[in-house]
Amino acid sequence: MGIINNLFDRFKNAELSIQPNKKIKTISKEFEESFGLTLVMYKGKMIAEPTLTLAALNKRTTLDVNAKSEPIKIKASMLVGAVEKMFEKEWGVKVQVKNAKGDRLVPNEITLGQASREEY
């Protein structure tokens, strides 16, 4: 079933386009609705306040957050590690993907689709 599910993930309509001007809680909610997983954003080494936008986050961290970047497009067929690196490369924000309950990190070597089906 794994091969069929992975193939299905490539053609699934679930593509999330995230704008950098949204609040962190909105980005996290849209990510959860699209993939059934928890997205955690960090301000340095601490979890960022959900009410902040990326622009506001930039003012509160020593890291350079690029709030004027292009939207990020995420698909279920993407590896978890690639998604985390994309946020860091495009926006300068550290994120981690966790399971639906938010109590366990998802391995970087599997796709978002596999993670949402808990195939790990």
N, C-alpha and C. Protein backbone atom coordinates (compact mmCIF):
# COMPACT_ATOMS: atom_id res chain seq x y z
N MET A 1 0.81 -1.20 0.00
CA MET A 1 0.00 0.00 0.00
C MET A 1 0.85 1.26 0.00
N GLY A 2 2.11 1.16 0.50
CA GLY A 2 2.97 2.33 0.60
C GLY A 2 3.25 2.99 -0.73
N ILE A 3 3.51 2.19 -1.76
CA ILE A 3 3.82 2.75 -3.08
C ILE A 3 2.60 3.48 -3.64
N ILE A 4 1.43 2.88 -3.48
CA ILE A 4 0.21 3.51 -3.98
C ILE A 4 -0.06 4.82 -3.24
N ASN A 5 0.11 4.81 -1.93
CA ASN A 5 -0.10 6.03 -1.14
C ASN A 5 0.88 7.12 -1.54
N ASN A 6 2.15 6.74 -1.77
CA ASN A 6 3.16 7.74 -2.18
C ASN A 6 2.81 8.32 -3.54
N LEU A 7 2.33 7.48 -4.44
CA LEU A 7 1.92 7.96 -5.76
C LEU A 7 0.71 8.89 -5.63
N PHE A 8 -0.22 8.51 -4.77
CA PHE A 8 -1.40 9.34 -4.52
C PHE A 8 -1.01 10.71 -3.99
N ASP A 9 0.01 10.75 -3.11
CA ASP A 9 0.47 12.03 -2.54
C ASP A 9 0.95 12.98 -3.62
N ARG A 10 1.55 12.46 -4.68
CA ARG A 10 2.07 13.31 -5.75
C ARG A 10 0.95 14.00 -6.54
N PHE A 11 -0.22 13.38 -6.61
CA PHE A 11 -1.31 13.93 -7.40
C PHE A 11 -2.43 14.52 -6.56
N LYS A 12 -2.25 14.45 -5.27
CA LYS A 12 -3.25 14.98 -4.34
C LYS A 12 -3.39 16.49 -4.50
N ASN A 13 -4.59 16.98 -4.34
CA ASN A 13 -4.83 18.42 -4.44
C ASN A 13 -4.20 19.21 -3.30
N ALA A 14 -3.85 18.52 -2.23
CA ALA A 14 -3.32 19.21 -1.06
C ALA A 14 -1.99 19.87 -1.38
N GLU A 15 -2.06 21.09 -1.83
CA GLU A 15 -0.88 21.92 -1.96
C GLU A 15 -1.16 23.17 -1.14
N LEU A 16 -0.30 23.42 -0.23
CA LEU A 16 -0.49 24.55 0.65
C LEU A 16 0.45 25.67 0.22
N SER A 17 -0.10 26.82 -0.03
CA SER A 17 0.68 28.01 -0.36
C SER A 17 0.61 28.94 0.84
N ILE A 18 1.76 29.20 1.44
CA ILE A 18 1.81 29.99 2.67
C ILE A 18 2.41 31.35 2.38
N GLN A 19 1.67 32.38 2.72
CA GLN A 19 2.13 33.77 2.55
C GLN A 19 2.92 34.19 3.79
N PRO A 20 4.01 34.91 3.62
CA PRO A 20 4.83 35.31 4.78
C PRO A 20 4.19 36.38 5.66
N ASN A 21 3.11 37.02 5.19
CA ASN A 21 2.50 38.09 5.99
C ASN A 21 1.42 37.57 6.95
N LYS A 22 1.23 36.25 7.01
CA LYS A 22 0.22 35.68 7.91
C LYS A 22 0.78 35.52 9.31
N LYS A 23 -0.14 35.41 10.27
CA LYS A 23 0.27 35.14 11.64
C LYS A 23 0.71 33.68 11.75
N ILE A 24 1.59 33.43 12.68
CA ILE A 24 2.12 32.08 12.88
C ILE A 24 0.99 31.10 13.19
N LYS A 25 0.01 31.51 13.99
CA LYS A 25 -1.10 30.59 14.31
C LYS A 25 -1.92 30.26 13.07
N THR A 26 -2.05 31.19 12.13
CA THR A 26 -2.79 30.94 10.89
C THR A 26 -2.02 29.96 10.01
N ILE A 27 -0.71 30.17 9.90
CA ILE A 27 0.13 29.26 9.12
C ILE A 27 0.05 27.85 9.70
N SER A 28 0.16 27.74 11.02
CA SER A 28 0.11 26.44 11.68
C SER A 28 -1.25 25.76 11.48
N LYS A 29 -2.32 26.54 11.56
CA LYS A 29 -3.67 25.98 11.38
C LYS A 29 -3.86 25.47 9.95
N GLU A 30 -3.43 26.26 8.96
CA GLU A 30 -3.56 25.84 7.56
C GLU A 30 -2.72 24.60 7.28
N PHE A 31 -1.55 24.51 7.88
CA PHE A 31 -0.69 23.34 7.72
C PHE A 31 -1.38 22.11 8.30
N GLU A 32 -1.96 22.26 9.48
CA GLU A 32 -2.67 21.14 10.12
C GLU A 32 -3.88 20.71 9.31
N GLU A 33 -4.64 21.67 8.78
CA GLU A 33 -5.81 21.35 7.97
C GLU A 33 -5.42 20.63 6.68
N SER A 34 -4.30 20.99 6.09
CA SER A 34 -3.86 20.39 4.83
C SER A 34 -3.23 19.02 5.01
N PHE A 35 -2.44 18.85 6.07
CA PHE A 35 -1.65 17.62 6.20
C PHE A 35 -1.93 16.82 7.46
N GLY A 36 -2.72 17.36 8.38
CA GLY A 36 -3.01 16.63 9.62
C GLY A 36 -1.81 16.54 10.54
N LEU A 37 -0.88 17.47 10.41
CA LEU A 37 0.34 17.48 11.21
C LEU A 37 0.50 18.84 11.88
N THR A 38 1.35 18.89 12.90
CA THR A 38 1.59 20.12 13.63
C THR A 38 2.87 20.77 13.12
N LEU A 39 2.81 22.07 12.86
CA LEU A 39 3.99 22.83 12.44
C LEU A 39 4.35 23.78 13.58
N VAL A 40 5.58 23.68 14.06
CA VAL A 40 6.04 24.52 15.16
C VAL A 40 7.12 25.46 14.63
N MET A 41 6.93 26.77 14.84
CA MET A 41 7.92 27.78 14.43
C MET A 41 8.67 28.26 15.67
N TYR A 42 9.94 28.56 15.42
CA TYR A 42 10.80 28.98 16.52
C TYR A 42 11.30 30.40 16.33
N LYS A 43 11.50 31.06 17.46
CA LYS A 43 12.15 32.37 17.53
C LYS A 43 13.46 32.09 18.24
N GLY A 44 14.53 31.93 17.46
CA GLY A 44 15.79 31.48 18.05
C GLY A 44 15.61 30.04 18.48
N LYS A 45 15.78 29.77 19.78
CA LYS A 45 15.62 28.41 20.29
C LYS A 45 14.30 28.22 21.04
N MET A 46 13.49 29.26 21.07
CA MET A 46 12.20 29.18 21.77
C MET A 46 11.06 29.15 20.76
N ILE A 47 9.97 28.51 21.14
CA ILE A 47 8.80 28.47 20.27
C ILE A 47 8.25 29.88 20.14
N ALA A 48 7.99 30.29 18.90
CA ALA A 48 7.50 31.65 18.63
C ALA A 48 6.05 31.82 19.10
N GLU A 49 5.74 33.02 19.53
CA GLU A 49 4.37 33.31 19.95
C GLU A 49 3.45 33.22 18.73
N PRO A 50 2.32 32.52 18.86
CA PRO A 50 1.44 32.29 17.71
C PRO A 50 0.79 33.55 17.15
N THR A 51 0.73 34.62 17.92
CA THR A 51 0.06 35.83 17.46
C THR A 51 0.96 36.72 16.59
N LEU A 52 2.25 36.37 16.49
CA LEU A 52 3.19 37.17 15.71
C LEU A 52 3.09 36.86 14.21
N THR A 53 3.34 37.85 13.40
CA THR A 53 3.56 37.63 11.97
C THR A 53 5.06 37.44 11.79
N LEU A 54 5.49 37.06 10.59
CA LEU A 54 6.93 36.91 10.36
C LEU A 54 7.66 38.24 10.52
N ALA A 55 7.03 39.33 10.09
CA ALA A 55 7.64 40.65 10.23
C ALA A 55 7.85 40.98 11.71
N ALA A 56 6.86 40.69 12.53
CA ALA A 56 6.98 40.94 13.97
C ALA A 56 8.01 40.01 14.60
N LEU A 57 8.07 38.78 14.10
CA LEU A 57 9.06 37.83 14.60
C LEU A 57 10.47 38.33 14.30
N ASN A 58 10.66 38.95 13.16
CA ASN A 58 11.96 39.48 12.77
C ASN A 58 12.46 40.52 13.76
N LYS A 59 11.55 41.29 14.33
CA LYS A 59 11.93 42.33 15.28
C LYS A 59 12.28 41.77 16.65
N ARG A 60 11.91 40.50 16.90
CA ARG A 60 12.10 39.93 18.22
C ARG A 60 13.16 38.83 18.27
N THR A 61 13.87 38.63 17.20
CA THR A 61 14.90 37.60 17.19
C THR A 61 16.17 38.15 16.56
N THR A 62 17.30 37.56 16.90
CA THR A 62 18.56 37.99 16.32
C THR A 62 18.75 37.41 14.93
N LEU A 63 17.97 36.38 14.58
CA LEU A 63 18.06 35.80 13.24
C LEU A 63 17.39 36.72 12.24
N ASP A 64 17.85 36.70 11.02
CA ASP A 64 17.26 37.54 9.97
C ASP A 64 16.09 36.80 9.34
N VAL A 65 14.88 37.23 9.66
CA VAL A 65 13.66 36.62 9.13
C VAL A 65 13.25 37.43 7.91
N ASN A 66 13.06 36.75 6.79
CA ASN A 66 12.73 37.42 5.53
C ASN A 66 11.21 37.42 5.32
N ALA A 67 10.55 38.42 5.85
CA ALA A 67 9.09 38.51 5.78
C ALA A 67 8.60 39.00 4.42
N LYS A 68 9.49 39.41 3.55
CA LYS A 68 9.09 39.92 2.23
C LYS A 68 9.35 38.90 1.13
N SER A 69 9.59 37.69 1.52
CA SER A 69 9.88 36.62 0.56
C SER A 69 8.61 36.18 -0.17
N GLU A 70 8.80 35.35 -1.18
CA GLU A 70 7.67 34.78 -1.93
C GLU A 70 6.95 33.74 -1.07
N PRO A 71 5.70 33.42 -1.43
CA PRO A 71 4.99 32.35 -0.70
C PRO A 71 5.71 31.01 -0.84
N ILE A 72 5.55 30.17 0.14
CA ILE A 72 6.10 28.82 0.12
C ILE A 72 4.98 27.88 -0.30
N LYS A 73 5.28 26.98 -1.24
CA LYS A 73 4.30 25.98 -1.68
C LYS A 73 4.74 24.62 -1.18
N ILE A 74 3.84 23.94 -0.48
CA ILE A 74 4.15 22.66 0.14
C ILE A 74 3.17 21.61 -0.37
N LYS A 75 3.70 20.42 -0.69
CA LYS A 75 2.87 19.31 -1.16
C LYS A 75 3.07 18.10 -0.25
N ALA A 76 2.09 17.21 -0.24
CA ALA A 76 2.16 16.00 0.59
C ALA A 76 3.30 15.09 0.19
N SER A 77 3.78 15.20 -1.04
CA SER A 77 4.86 14.33 -1.53
C SER A 77 6.25 14.81 -1.11
N MET A 78 6.34 15.96 -0.46
CA MET A 78 7.64 16.50 -0.06
C MET A 78 8.13 15.84 1.23
N LEU A 79 9.45 15.67 1.32
CA LEU A 79 10.05 15.13 2.54
C LEU A 79 9.94 16.15 3.66
N VAL A 80 9.74 15.66 4.86
CA VAL A 80 9.63 16.54 6.04
C VAL A 80 10.87 17.40 6.17
N GLY A 81 12.06 16.81 6.01
CA GLY A 81 13.31 17.56 6.11
C GLY A 81 13.41 18.66 5.06
N ALA A 82 12.90 18.39 3.85
CA ALA A 82 12.93 19.39 2.78
C ALA A 82 12.01 20.56 3.11
N VAL A 83 10.87 20.28 3.71
CA VAL A 83 9.94 21.34 4.11
C VAL A 83 10.58 22.22 5.19
N GLU A 84 11.20 21.59 6.17
CA GLU A 84 11.85 22.35 7.24
C GLU A 84 12.98 23.22 6.69
N LYS A 85 13.76 22.68 5.76
CA LYS A 85 14.84 23.46 5.15
C LYS A 85 14.31 24.59 4.29
N MET A 86 13.17 24.37 3.63
CA MET A 86 12.58 25.40 2.79
C MET A 86 12.19 26.62 3.62
N PHE A 87 11.59 26.40 4.77
CA PHE A 87 11.23 27.52 5.65
C PHE A 87 12.49 28.30 6.05
N GLU A 88 13.55 27.57 6.37
CA GLU A 88 14.78 28.23 6.80
C GLU A 88 15.44 28.99 5.64
N LYS A 89 15.45 28.38 4.46
CA LYS A 89 16.10 29.01 3.31
C LYS A 89 15.31 30.22 2.81
N GLU A 90 13.99 30.06 2.65
CA GLU A 90 13.17 31.12 2.07
C GLU A 90 12.86 32.24 3.05
N TRP A 91 12.55 31.88 4.28
CA TRP A 91 12.11 32.88 5.25
C TRP A 91 13.07 33.11 6.41
N GLY A 92 14.06 32.22 6.57
CA GLY A 92 14.98 32.36 7.69
C GLY A 92 14.37 31.95 9.01
N VAL A 93 13.38 31.06 8.97
CA VAL A 93 12.66 30.64 10.18
C VAL A 93 12.88 29.15 10.41
N LYS A 94 13.21 28.79 11.64
CA LYS A 94 13.35 27.37 11.98
C LYS A 94 11.96 26.83 12.32
N VAL A 95 11.62 25.69 11.69
CA VAL A 95 10.36 25.01 11.99
C VAL A 95 10.65 23.54 12.22
N GLN A 96 9.72 22.88 12.89
CA GLN A 96 9.75 21.43 13.03
C GLN A 96 8.35 20.91 12.80
N VAL A 97 8.28 19.75 12.15
CA VAL A 97 7.00 19.10 11.91
C VAL A 97 6.82 18.01 12.96
N LYS A 98 5.66 18.05 13.60
CA LYS A 98 5.32 17.06 14.62
C LYS A 98 4.05 16.31 14.22
N ASN A 99 3.78 15.23 14.91
CA ASN A 99 2.57 14.46 14.63
C ASN A 99 1.32 15.29 14.94
N ALA A 100 0.15 14.73 14.67
CA ALA A 100 -1.11 15.48 14.83
C ALA A 100 -1.30 15.98 16.26
N LYS A 101 -0.90 15.19 17.24
CA LYS A 101 -1.05 15.61 18.64
C LYS A 101 -0.02 16.66 19.04
N GLY A 102 1.05 16.76 18.25
CA GLY A 102 2.11 17.72 18.57
C GLY A 102 3.05 17.27 19.66
N ASP A 103 3.06 15.96 19.95
CA ASP A 103 3.89 15.47 21.04
C ASP A 103 5.11 14.66 20.58
N ARG A 104 5.28 14.52 19.24
CA ARG A 104 6.39 13.71 18.75
C ARG A 104 6.87 14.28 17.41
N LEU A 105 8.19 14.43 17.28
CA LEU A 105 8.76 14.91 16.03
C LEU A 105 8.59 13.83 14.94
N VAL A 106 8.38 14.29 13.71
CA VAL A 106 8.26 13.40 12.57
C VAL A 106 9.65 13.25 11.95
N PRO A 107 10.05 12.03 11.57
CA PRO A 107 11.37 11.86 10.94
C PRO A 107 11.51 12.66 9.65
N ASN A 108 12.67 13.21 9.42
CA ASN A 108 12.92 14.04 8.24
C ASN A 108 12.94 13.25 6.93
N GLU A 109 13.11 11.94 7.00
CA GLU A 109 13.31 11.12 5.81
C GLU A 109 12.01 10.64 5.18
N ILE A 110 10.86 10.97 5.74
CA ILE A 110 9.59 10.53 5.16
C ILE A 110 8.83 11.72 4.60
N THR A 111 7.83 11.45 3.77
CA THR A 111 7.04 12.54 3.19
C THR A 111 5.98 13.01 4.17
N LEU A 112 5.43 14.17 3.90
CA LEU A 112 4.32 14.68 4.73
C LEU A 112 3.14 13.72 4.65
N GLY A 113 2.89 13.16 3.47
CA GLY A 113 1.79 12.21 3.31
C GLY A 113 1.99 10.99 4.18
N GLN A 114 3.21 10.43 4.19
CA GLN A 114 3.50 9.28 5.04
C GLN A 114 3.34 9.65 6.51
N ALA A 115 3.81 10.84 6.87
CA ALA A 115 3.69 11.29 8.26
C ALA A 115 2.23 11.44 8.67
N SER A 116 1.41 11.96 7.76
CA SER A 116 0.00 12.15 8.11
C SER A 116 -0.72 10.80 8.25
N ARG A 117 -0.22 9.78 7.56
CA ARG A 117 -0.78 8.42 7.71
C ARG A 117 -0.07 7.63 8.80
N GLU A 118 0.88 8.27 9.48
CA GLU A 118 1.67 7.68 10.56
C GLU A 118 2.41 6.44 10.09
N GLU A 119 3.01 6.51 8.90
CA GLU A 119 3.80 5.41 8.36
C GLU A 119 5.27 5.55 8.76
N TYR A 120 5.50 5.55 10.06
CA TYR A 120 6.88 5.61 10.57
C TYR A 120 6.97 4.96 11.92
